[in-house]
Amino acid sequence: MNGILVVLNRPEHAQGLLVAAADILHRVGGARLDVLAAREPPQDTILPTENMLTERRVAALRDDQRRWADDLHTRFRAWLSAARADGRVSPSVEVNWLDPEISVGRIIEGYAGDAALIVIGFPQPHDSDQKRRATRAALFESGRPVLFVPPDWNRPVGTRILLAWTDTQPCRRAFASADALLRQAGHVALLAQSDTPPPAGLPLTCAPPGRAPTTPPAAPPTAPIDAAEQILAAARDDGSDLIVMGAFAHGRLHDRLLGSVTAHILDRRDIPTWMQH
């Protein structure tokens, strides 16, 4: 793994994201950590009821975003100084601070393409529209795996991993992208939600097909919420500090009427989750 991109949002959650990213980078021998505080362009914040932004309003919005980024930068510098001192971030690791005023599309074009992994917080109800769009773009448009970290997570990430297996291309991609981390984990378990065997070559610590951390039902769950709850229950029962799974995009009407495994996992915000579309 060459580099990790950390996308910051709320200042009080910044340290958890940085710690998780540094933990993963250390485990897989990564070389670069890019930390992004993307300031929202004023024109991206305009409300449907607003016809235009006055110069005063533009200046106020930019000042708010500048203060937000400066707060994050202060926290980042304090964390990095401590992490360098105690060895959590090696002197050989390149660490970059980035706080441009940038739209969601340019975040993906300009930064995600250079990263092997994107680390981001779980979606929150109070997220801005740009933050929600950035989360969706990272997951479904970047072509990169995304590690979602719960807001108050203070444990290691990736020492006990649950692989949530379904026979889909997103799941296969997620397993493949997490391979280096899987091989460094002390324990990797398999929850099969598909009758098709998982990919060959998974680390030897994986339970073989049919031997999951919790005994799966005779038939895989068909309701998305049931499937998501089975994953979360298995992870809790096995003491997992990371779930690896595929991510799926449906239409908003589908998600509202039927739900989706991806949406339910993201709504719960229980356990760090590595997803790839």
C-alpha atoms as a PDB file:
ATOM      1  CA  MET A   1       0.000   0.000   0.000  1.00  0.00           C
ATOM      2  CA  ASN A   2       1.569   3.260  -1.116  1.00  0.00           C
ATOM      3  CA  GLY A   3      -0.585   5.940   0.467  1.00  0.00           C
ATOM      4  CA  ILE A   4      -3.709   6.655   2.506  1.00  0.00           C
ATOM      5  CA  LEU A   5      -5.985   9.673   2.104  1.00  0.00           C
ATOM      6  CA  VAL A   6      -7.720  10.791   5.310  1.00  0.00           C
ATOM      7  CA  VAL A   7     -10.758  13.015   4.744  1.00  0.00           C
ATOM      8  CA  LEU A   8     -11.504  15.045   7.875  1.00  0.00           C
ATOM      9  CA  ASN A   9     -14.865  16.483   8.852  1.00  0.00           C
ATOM     10  CA  ARG A  10     -15.739  17.249  12.476  1.00  0.00           C
ATOM     11  CA  PRO A  11     -12.744  18.429  14.565  1.00  0.00           C
ATOM     12  CA  GLU A  12     -13.700  16.293  17.570  1.00  0.00           C
ATOM     13  CA  HIS A  13     -13.479  13.156  15.408  1.00  0.00           C
ATOM     14  CA  ALA A  14     -10.192  14.016  13.693  1.00  0.00           C
ATOM     15  CA  GLN A  15      -7.897  12.146  16.055  1.00  0.00           C
ATOM     16  CA  GLY A  16      -9.827   8.886  15.696  1.00  0.00           C
ATOM     17  CA  LEU A  17      -9.480   9.025  11.912  1.00  0.00           C
ATOM     18  CA  LEU A  18      -5.779   9.871  12.095  1.00  0.00           C
ATOM     19  CA  VAL A  19      -5.052   7.108  14.605  1.00  0.00           C
ATOM     20  CA  ALA A  20      -6.904   4.520  12.505  1.00  0.00           C
ATOM     21  CA  ALA A  21      -5.126   5.589   9.316  1.00  0.00           C
ATOM     22  CA  ALA A  22      -1.704   5.523  10.975  1.00  0.00           C
ATOM     23  CA  ASP A  23      -2.479   2.102  12.444  1.00  0.00           C
ATOM     24  CA  ILE A  24      -3.333   0.682   9.014  1.00  0.00           C
ATOM     25  CA  LEU A  25      -0.328   2.371   7.388  1.00  0.00           C
ATOM     26  CA  HIS A  26       2.011   0.915  10.011  1.00  0.00           C
ATOM     27  CA  ARG A  27       0.596  -2.600   9.642  1.00  0.00           C
ATOM     28  CA  VAL A  28       1.030  -2.723   5.873  1.00  0.00           C
ATOM     29  CA  GLY A  29       4.238  -0.706   5.577  1.00  0.00           C
ATOM     30  CA  GLY A  30       2.701   2.242   3.743  1.00  0.00           C
ATOM     31  CA  ALA A  31       4.812   5.208   2.703  1.00  0.00           C
ATOM     32  CA  ARG A  32       2.502   8.241   2.601  1.00  0.00           C
ATOM     33  CA  LEU A  33      -0.323   9.787   4.602  1.00  0.00           C
ATOM     34  CA  ASP A  34      -2.317  12.621   3.013  1.00  0.00           C
ATOM     35  CA  VAL A  35      -4.689  14.464   5.349  1.00  0.00           C
ATOM     36  CA  LEU A  36      -7.422  16.503   3.664  1.00  0.00           C
ATOM     37  CA  ALA A  37      -9.627  19.217   5.149  1.00  0.00           C
ATOM     38  CA  ALA A  38     -11.638  20.172   2.072  1.00  0.00           C
ATOM     39  CA  ARG A  39     -13.045  23.684   2.453  1.00  0.00           C
ATOM     40  CA  GLU A  40     -16.430  24.046   0.792  1.00  0.00           C
ATOM     41  CA  PRO A  41     -16.656  26.615  -2.026  1.00  0.00           C
ATOM     42  CA  PRO A  42     -19.328  29.214  -1.159  1.00  0.00           C
ATOM     43  CA  GLN A  43     -21.251  28.494  -4.362  1.00  0.00           C
ATOM     44  CA  ASP A  44     -21.611  24.851  -3.282  1.00  0.00           C
ATOM     45  CA  THR A  45     -23.401  25.876  -0.086  1.00  0.00           C
ATOM     46  CA  ILE A  46     -26.135  27.996  -1.660  1.00  0.00           C
ATOM     47  CA  LEU A  47     -29.637  26.985  -0.568  1.00  0.00           C
ATOM     48  CA  PRO A  48     -32.472  26.349  -3.048  1.00  0.00           C
ATOM     49  CA  THR A  49     -34.235  29.426  -1.631  1.00  0.00           C
ATOM     50  CA  GLU A  50     -31.237  31.662  -2.324  1.00  0.00           C
ATOM     51  CA  ASN A  51     -30.932  33.228  -5.764  1.00  0.00           C
ATOM     52  CA  MET A  52     -27.434  34.546  -5.289  1.00  0.00           C
ATOM     53  CA  LEU A  53     -24.673  35.053  -2.752  1.00  0.00           C
ATOM     54  CA  THR A  54     -23.696  38.572  -1.784  1.00  0.00           C
ATOM     55  CA  GLU A  55     -20.022  39.441  -1.444  1.00  0.00           C
ATOM     56  CA  ARG A  56     -20.485  39.734   2.312  1.00  0.00           C
ATOM     57  CA  ARG A  57     -22.079  36.290   2.474  1.00  0.00           C
ATOM     58  CA  VAL A  58     -19.275  34.781   0.363  1.00  0.00           C
ATOM     59  CA  ALA A  59     -16.657  36.324   2.664  1.00  0.00           C
ATOM     60  CA  ALA A  60     -18.456  35.035   5.778  1.00  0.00           C
ATOM     61  CA  LEU A  61     -18.692  31.515   4.371  1.00  0.00           C
ATOM     62  CA  ARG A  62     -15.014  31.519   3.447  1.00  0.00           C
ATOM     63  CA  ASP A  63     -14.075  32.777   6.920  1.00  0.00           C
ATOM     64  CA  ASP A  64     -16.109  29.982   8.540  1.00  0.00           C
ATOM     65  CA  GLN A  65     -14.416  27.353   6.404  1.00  0.00           C
ATOM     66  CA  ARG A  66     -10.982  28.850   7.061  1.00  0.00           C
ATOM     67  CA  ARG A  67     -11.544  28.725  10.831  1.00  0.00           C
ATOM     68  CA  TRP A  68     -12.768  25.133  10.540  1.00  0.00           C
ATOM     69  CA  ALA A  69      -9.667  24.098   8.570  1.00  0.00           C
ATOM     70  CA  ASP A  70      -7.344  25.969  10.947  1.00  0.00           C
ATOM     71  CA  ASP A  71      -8.885  24.162  13.931  1.00  0.00           C
ATOM     72  CA  LEU A  72      -8.329  20.827  12.208  1.00  0.00           C
ATOM     73  CA  HIS A  73      -4.761  21.798  11.296  1.00  0.00           C
ATOM     74  CA  THR A  74      -3.965  22.595  14.930  1.00  0.00           C
ATOM     75  CA  ARG A  75      -5.286  19.206  16.020  1.00  0.00           C
ATOM     76  CA  PHE A  76      -3.438  17.474  13.173  1.00  0.00           C
ATOM     77  CA  ARG A  77      -0.099  19.064  14.095  1.00  0.00           C
ATOM     78  CA  ALA A  78      -0.464  18.086  17.755  1.00  0.00           C
ATOM     79  CA  TRP A  79      -1.363  14.522  16.810  1.00  0.00           C
ATOM     80  CA  LEU A  80       1.495  14.205  14.294  1.00  0.00           C
ATOM     81  CA  SER A  81       4.077  15.518  16.745  1.00  0.00           C
ATOM     82  CA  ALA A  82       3.006  12.944  19.344  1.00  0.00           C
ATOM     83  CA  ALA A  83       2.753  10.145  16.757  1.00  0.00           C
ATOM     84  CA  ARG A  84       6.267  10.832  15.446  1.00  0.00           C
ATOM     85  CA  ALA A  85       7.626  10.938  19.001  1.00  0.00           C
ATOM     86  CA  ASP A  86       6.129   7.617  20.095  1.00  0.00           C
ATOM     87  CA  GLY A  87       6.840   5.774  16.846  1.00  0.00           C
ATOM     88  CA  ARG A  88       3.275   5.378  15.602  1.00  0.00           C
ATOM     89  CA  VAL A  89       4.291   7.281  12.465  1.00  0.00           C
ATOM     90  CA  SER A  90       7.757   6.390  11.210  1.00  0.00           C
ATOM     91  CA  PRO A  91      10.161   9.184  10.190  1.00  0.00           C
ATOM     92  CA  SER A  92      10.246   7.548   6.754  1.00  0.00           C
ATOM     93  CA  VAL A  93       6.504   8.105   6.222  1.00  0.00           C
ATOM     94  CA  GLU A  94       5.666  11.196   4.179  1.00  0.00           C
ATOM     95  CA  VAL A  95       2.801  13.137   5.784  1.00  0.00           C
ATOM     96  CA  ASN A  96       1.019  15.910   3.879  1.00  0.00           C
ATOM     97  CA  TRP A  97      -1.558  18.446   5.097  1.00  0.00           C
ATOM     98  CA  LEU A  98      -4.067  19.614   2.458  1.00  0.00           C
ATOM     99  CA  ASP A  99      -6.786  22.233   2.996  1.00  0.00           C
ATOM    100  CA  PRO A 100      -7.849  23.562  -0.428  1.00  0.00           C
ATOM    101  CA  GLU A 101     -11.165  25.164  -1.257  1.00  0.00           C
ATOM    102  CA  ILE A 102     -12.423  22.420  -3.518  1.00  0.00           C
ATOM    103  CA  SER A 103     -15.586  20.847  -4.921  1.00  0.00           C
ATOM    104  CA  VAL A 104     -16.479  17.202  -4.419  1.00  0.00           C
ATOM    105  CA  GLY A 105     -15.664  16.242  -8.003  1.00  0.00           C
ATOM    106  CA  ARG A 106     -12.190  17.722  -7.762  1.00  0.00           C
ATOM    107  CA  ILE A 107     -11.537  15.914  -4.477  1.00  0.00           C
ATOM    108  CA  ILE A 108     -11.993  12.599  -6.260  1.00  0.00           C
ATOM    109  CA  GLU A 109     -10.078  13.688  -9.366  1.00  0.00           C
ATOM    110  CA  GLY A 110      -7.256  15.412  -7.540  1.00  0.00           C
ATOM    111  CA  TYR A 111      -6.576  13.294  -4.480  1.00  0.00           C
ATOM    112  CA  ALA A 112      -8.368   9.938  -4.386  1.00  0.00           C
ATOM    113  CA  GLY A 113      -6.590   8.633  -7.468  1.00  0.00           C
ATOM    114  CA  ASP A 114      -3.212   8.736  -5.701  1.00  0.00           C
ATOM    115  CA  ALA A 115      -4.442   6.834  -2.647  1.00  0.00           C
ATOM    116  CA  ALA A 116      -4.629   3.097  -2.078  1.00  0.00           C
ATOM    117  CA  LEU A 117      -7.227   3.658   0.670  1.00  0.00           C
ATOM    118  CA  ILE A 118      -9.554   6.484   1.713  1.00  0.00           C
ATOM    119  CA  VAL A 119     -10.227   6.863   5.455  1.00  0.00           C
ATOM    120  CA  ILE A 120     -13.340   8.801   6.401  1.00  0.00           C
ATOM    121  CA  GLY A 121     -15.809   9.053   9.265  1.00  0.00           C
ATOM    122  CA  PHE A 122     -19.157   7.300   9.152  1.00  0.00           C
ATOM    123  CA  PRO A 123     -21.899   9.559   7.761  1.00  0.00           C
ATOM    124  CA  GLN A 124     -23.578  11.700  10.421  1.00  0.00           C
ATOM    125  CA  PRO A 125     -27.122  13.165  10.402  1.00  0.00           C
ATOM    126  CA  HIS A 126     -25.730  16.704  10.720  1.00  0.00           C
ATOM    127  CA  ASP A 127     -23.248  16.430   7.823  1.00  0.00           C
ATOM    128  CA  SER A 128     -23.358  19.196   5.235  1.00  0.00           C
ATOM    129  CA  ASP A 129     -24.562  18.424   1.730  1.00  0.00           C
ATOM    130  CA  GLN A 130     -20.971  18.554   0.454  1.00  0.00           C
ATOM    131  CA  LYS A 131     -19.826  16.084   3.110  1.00  0.00           C
ATOM    132  CA  ARG A 132     -22.636  13.675   2.172  1.00  0.00           C
ATOM    133  CA  ARG A 133     -21.766  13.966  -1.510  1.00  0.00           C
ATOM    134  CA  ALA A 134     -18.069  13.498  -0.751  1.00  0.00           C
ATOM    135  CA  THR A 135     -18.802  10.303   1.177  1.00  0.00           C
ATOM    136  CA  ARG A 136     -20.882   8.892  -1.658  1.00  0.00           C
ATOM    137  CA  ALA A 137     -18.306   9.912  -4.264  1.00  0.00           C
ATOM    138  CA  ALA A 138     -15.475   8.328  -2.279  1.00  0.00           C
ATOM    139  CA  LEU A 139     -17.372   5.067  -2.009  1.00  0.00           C
ATOM    140  CA  PHE A 140     -18.993   4.798  -5.430  1.00  0.00           C
ATOM    141  CA  GLU A 141     -16.907   6.953  -7.786  1.00  0.00           C
ATOM    142  CA  SER A 142     -13.287   6.854  -6.627  1.00  0.00           C
ATOM    143  CA  GLY A 143     -12.564   3.224  -7.486  1.00  0.00           C
ATOM    144  CA  ARG A 144     -10.770   2.951  -4.128  1.00  0.00           C
ATOM    145  CA  PRO A 145     -11.613   1.073  -0.942  1.00  0.00           C
ATOM    146  CA  VAL A 146     -12.973   3.241   1.859  1.00  0.00           C
ATOM    147  CA  LEU A 147     -12.421   2.674   5.575  1.00  0.00           C
ATOM    148  CA  PHE A 148     -15.265   4.115   7.666  1.00  0.00           C
ATOM    149  CA  VAL A 149     -14.299   4.813  11.286  1.00  0.00           C
ATOM    150  CA  PRO A 150     -16.898   5.235  14.090  1.00  0.00           C
ATOM    151  CA  PRO A 151     -16.859   8.648  15.791  1.00  0.00           C
ATOM    152  CA  ASP A 152     -15.660   7.446  19.204  1.00  0.00           C
ATOM    153  CA  TRP A 153     -13.507   4.479  18.169  1.00  0.00           C
ATOM    154  CA  ASN A 154     -10.378   4.207  20.354  1.00  0.00           C
ATOM    155  CA  ARG A 155      -9.200   0.639  19.693  1.00  0.00           C
ATOM    156  CA  PRO A 156      -6.757  -0.764  17.113  1.00  0.00           C
ATOM    157  CA  VAL A 157      -8.110  -1.419  13.621  1.00  0.00           C
ATOM    158  CA  GLY A 158      -7.391  -4.596  11.688  1.00  0.00           C
ATOM    159  CA  THR A 159      -6.181  -7.028  14.361  1.00  0.00           C
ATOM    160  CA  ARG A 160      -9.392  -9.110  14.283  1.00  0.00           C
ATOM    161  CA  ILE A 161     -11.111  -8.985  10.909  1.00  0.00           C
ATOM    162  CA  LEU A 162     -14.484 -10.282   9.767  1.00  0.00           C
ATOM    163  CA  LEU A 163     -14.875 -10.943   6.040  1.00  0.00           C
ATOM    164  CA  ALA A 164     -18.547 -10.636   5.051  1.00  0.00           C
ATOM    165  CA  TRP A 165     -18.693 -12.770   1.914  1.00  0.00           C
ATOM    166  CA  THR A 166     -21.253 -12.442  -0.872  1.00  0.00           C
ATOM    167  CA  ASP A 167     -20.615 -13.590  -4.426  1.00  0.00           C
ATOM    168  CA  THR A 168     -20.362 -10.132  -6.006  1.00  0.00           C
ATOM    169  CA  GLN A 169     -17.669  -8.144  -7.765  1.00  0.00           C
ATOM    170  CA  PRO A 170     -17.645  -5.382  -5.103  1.00  0.00           C
ATOM    171  CA  CYS A 171     -17.034  -7.993  -2.421  1.00  0.00           C
ATOM    172  CA  ARG A 172     -14.230  -9.612  -4.416  1.00  0.00           C
ATOM    173  CA  ARG A 173     -12.644  -6.206  -4.949  1.00  0.00           C
ATOM    174  CA  ALA A 174     -12.896  -5.386  -1.235  1.00  0.00           C
ATOM    175  CA  PHE A 175     -11.237  -8.667  -0.268  1.00  0.00           C
ATOM    176  CA  ALA A 176      -8.457  -8.122  -2.814  1.00  0.00           C
ATOM    177  CA  SER A 177      -7.742  -4.538  -1.758  1.00  0.00           C
ATOM    178  CA  ALA A 178      -7.557  -5.562   1.919  1.00  0.00           C
ATOM    179  CA  ASP A 179      -5.185  -8.471   1.235  1.00  0.00           C
ATOM    180  CA  ALA A 180      -2.055  -6.858   2.718  1.00  0.00           C
ATOM    181  CA  LEU A 181      -3.938  -6.000   5.905  1.00  0.00           C
ATOM    182  CA  LEU A 182      -5.531  -9.455   6.126  1.00  0.00           C
ATOM    183  CA  ARG A 183      -2.090 -11.051   6.093  1.00  0.00           C
ATOM    184  CA  GLN A 184      -0.959  -8.907   9.027  1.00  0.00           C
ATOM    185  CA  ALA A 185      -4.034  -9.609  11.170  1.00  0.00           C
ATOM    186  CA  GLY A 186      -3.896 -11.945  14.120  1.00  0.00           C
ATOM    187  CA  HIS A 187      -7.366 -13.323  13.382  1.00  0.00           C
ATOM    188  CA  VAL A 188      -9.470 -13.324  10.223  1.00  0.00           C
ATOM    189  CA  ALA A 189     -12.926 -14.931  10.237  1.00  0.00           C
ATOM    190  CA  LEU A 190     -15.421 -15.546   7.471  1.00  0.00           C
ATOM    191  CA  LEU A 191     -19.165 -14.961   7.467  1.00  0.00           C
ATOM    192  CA  ALA A 192     -20.588 -16.530   4.320  1.00  0.00           C
ATOM    193  CA  GLN A 193     -23.819 -14.968   3.073  1.00  0.00           C
ATOM    194  CA  SER A 194     -23.578 -16.771  -0.251  1.00  0.00           C
ATOM    195  CA  ASP A 195     -23.518 -20.434  -1.246  1.00  0.00           C
ATOM    196  CA  THR A 196     -20.633 -19.758  -3.644  1.00  0.00           C
ATOM    197  CA  PRO A 197     -17.180 -20.393  -2.121  1.00  0.00           C
ATOM    198  CA  PRO A 198     -15.094 -17.274  -1.449  1.00  0.00           C
ATOM    199  CA  PRO A 199     -11.983 -16.501  -3.514  1.00  0.00           C
ATOM    200  CA  ALA A 200      -9.069 -18.880  -3.223  1.00  0.00           C
ATOM    201  CA  GLY A 201      -5.924 -17.704  -1.491  1.00  0.00           C
ATOM    202  CA  LEU A 202      -7.442 -16.000   1.540  1.00  0.00           C
ATOM    203  CA  PRO A 203      -5.083 -15.977   4.548  1.00  0.00           C
ATOM    204  CA  LEU A 204      -4.829 -19.272   6.415  1.00  0.00           C
ATOM    205  CA  THR A 205      -6.297 -17.711   9.548  1.00  0.00           C
ATOM    206  CA  CYS A 206      -9.654 -17.468   7.756  1.00  0.00           C
ATOM    207  CA  ALA A 207     -12.315 -19.920   8.781  1.00  0.00           C
ATOM    208  CA  PRO A 208     -13.093 -22.219   5.837  1.00  0.00           C
ATOM    209  CA  PRO A 209     -16.465 -21.912   4.074  1.00  0.00           C
ATOM    210  CA  GLY A 210     -19.238 -23.031   6.400  1.00  0.00           C
ATOM    211  CA  ARG A 211     -17.288 -22.240   9.587  1.00  0.00           C
ATOM    212  CA  ALA A 212     -18.185 -18.672  10.354  1.00  0.00           C
ATOM    213  CA  PRO A 213     -17.849 -16.972  13.738  1.00  0.00           C
ATOM    214  CA  THR A 214     -21.573 -17.477  14.160  1.00  0.00           C
ATOM    215  CA  THR A 215     -23.381 -20.354  12.536  1.00  0.00           C
ATOM    216  CA  PRO A 216     -25.144 -19.003   9.450  1.00  0.00           C
ATOM    217  CA  PRO A 217     -28.757 -19.943   8.817  1.00  0.00           C
ATOM    218  CA  ALA A 218     -29.647 -22.700   6.386  1.00  0.00           C
ATOM    219  CA  ALA A 219     -30.228 -20.067   3.713  1.00  0.00           C
ATOM    220  CA  PRO A 220     -28.557 -16.650   3.502  1.00  0.00           C
ATOM    221  CA  PRO A 221     -30.800 -13.800   4.664  1.00  0.00           C
ATOM    222  CA  THR A 222     -32.753 -12.198   1.851  1.00  0.00           C
ATOM    223  CA  ALA A 223     -33.841  -8.961   3.546  1.00  0.00           C
ATOM    224  CA  PRO A 224     -31.057  -6.338   3.416  1.00  0.00           C
ATOM    225  CA  ILE A 225     -31.535  -5.275   7.035  1.00  0.00           C
ATOM    226  CA  ASP A 226     -31.385  -8.910   8.198  1.00  0.00           C
ATOM    227  CA  ALA A 227     -28.160  -9.427   6.248  1.00  0.00           C
ATOM    228  CA  ALA A 228     -26.649  -6.261   7.720  1.00  0.00           C
ATOM    229  CA  GLU A 229     -27.650  -7.219  11.260  1.00  0.00           C
ATOM    230  CA  GLN A 230     -26.147 -10.679  10.762  1.00  0.00           C
ATOM    231  CA  ILE A 231     -22.832  -9.062   9.794  1.00  0.00           C
ATOM    232  CA  LEU A 232     -22.860  -6.731  12.800  1.00  0.00           C
ATOM    233  CA  ALA A 233     -23.845  -9.512  15.216  1.00  0.00           C
ATOM    234  CA  ALA A 234     -21.091 -11.782  13.880  1.00  0.00           C
ATOM    235  CA  ALA A 235     -18.533  -8.992  14.219  1.00  0.00           C
ATOM    236  CA  ARG A 236     -19.568  -8.244  17.798  1.00  0.00           C
ATOM    237  CA  ASP A 237     -19.587 -11.926  18.771  1.00  0.00           C
ATOM    238  CA  ASP A 238     -16.116 -12.437  17.296  1.00  0.00           C
ATOM    239  CA  GLY A 239     -14.640  -9.288  18.831  1.00  0.00           C
ATOM    240  CA  SER A 240     -13.878  -7.867  15.396  1.00  0.00           C
ATOM    241  CA  ASP A 241     -12.205  -4.484  15.040  1.00  0.00           C
ATOM    242  CA  LEU A 242     -12.752  -4.414  11.269  1.00  0.00           C
ATOM    243  CA  ILE A 243     -15.419  -5.606   8.818  1.00  0.00           C
ATOM    244  CA  VAL A 244     -14.477  -6.067   5.152  1.00  0.00           C
ATOM    245  CA  MET A 245     -17.358  -6.169   2.667  1.00  0.00           C
ATOM    246  CA  GLY A 246     -18.602  -5.028  -0.722  1.00  0.00           C
ATOM    247  CA  ALA A 247     -20.591  -1.816  -1.169  1.00  0.00           C
ATOM    248  CA  PHE A 248     -23.664  -1.509  -3.348  1.00  0.00           C
ATOM    249  CA  ALA A 249     -25.434   1.532  -4.779  1.00  0.00           C
ATOM    250  CA  HIS A 250     -29.204   1.497  -5.273  1.00  0.00           C
ATOM    251  CA  GLY A 251     -31.658   4.217  -6.175  1.00  0.00           C
ATOM    252  CA  ARG A 252     -33.082   6.371  -3.388  1.00  0.00           C
ATOM    253  CA  LEU A 253     -36.556   4.893  -3.830  1.00  0.00           C
ATOM    254  CA  HIS A 254     -35.163   1.355  -3.526  1.00  0.00           C
ATOM    255  CA  ASP A 255     -33.279   2.261  -0.351  1.00  0.00           C
ATOM    256  CA  ARG A 256     -36.309   3.993   1.170  1.00  0.00           C
ATOM    257  CA  LEU A 257     -38.694   1.106   0.461  1.00  0.00           C
ATOM    258  CA  LEU A 258     -36.435  -1.930   0.823  1.00  0.00           C
ATOM    259  CA  GLY A 259     -33.304  -0.682   2.539  1.00  0.00           C
ATOM    260  CA  SER A 260     -29.797  -1.840   1.664  1.00  0.00           C
ATOM    261  CA  VAL A 261     -27.033  -3.670   3.485  1.00  0.00           C
ATOM    262  CA  THR A 262     -24.564  -0.877   2.746  1.00  0.00           C
ATOM    263  CA  ALA A 263     -26.880   1.882   4.004  1.00  0.00           C
ATOM    264  CA  HIS A 264     -27.786  -0.035   7.168  1.00  0.00           C
ATOM    265  CA  ILE A 265     -24.146  -0.707   8.082  1.00  0.00           C
ATOM    266  CA  LEU A 266     -23.302   2.966   7.511  1.00  0.00           C
ATOM    267  CA  ASP A 267     -26.283   4.078   9.597  1.00  0.00           C
ATOM    268  CA  ARG A 268     -25.252   1.933  12.562  1.00  0.00           C
ATOM    269  CA  ARG A 269     -21.683   3.298  12.888  1.00  0.00           C
ATOM    270  CA  ASP A 270     -20.681   0.427  15.205  1.00  0.00           C
ATOM    271  CA  ILE A 271     -17.412  -1.069  13.938  1.00  0.00           C
ATOM    272  CA  PRO A 272     -14.731   0.155  11.494  1.00  0.00           C
ATOM    273  CA  THR A 273     -15.770  -1.056   8.059  1.00  0.00           C
ATOM    274  CA  TRP A 274     -13.691  -1.465   4.895  1.00  0.00           C
ATOM    275  CA  MET A 275     -15.952  -1.209   1.841  1.00  0.00           C
ATOM    276  CA  GLN A 276     -15.378  -1.181  -1.885  1.00  0.00           C
ATOM    277  CA  HIS A 277     -17.803  -0.774  -4.761  1.00  0.00           C
END
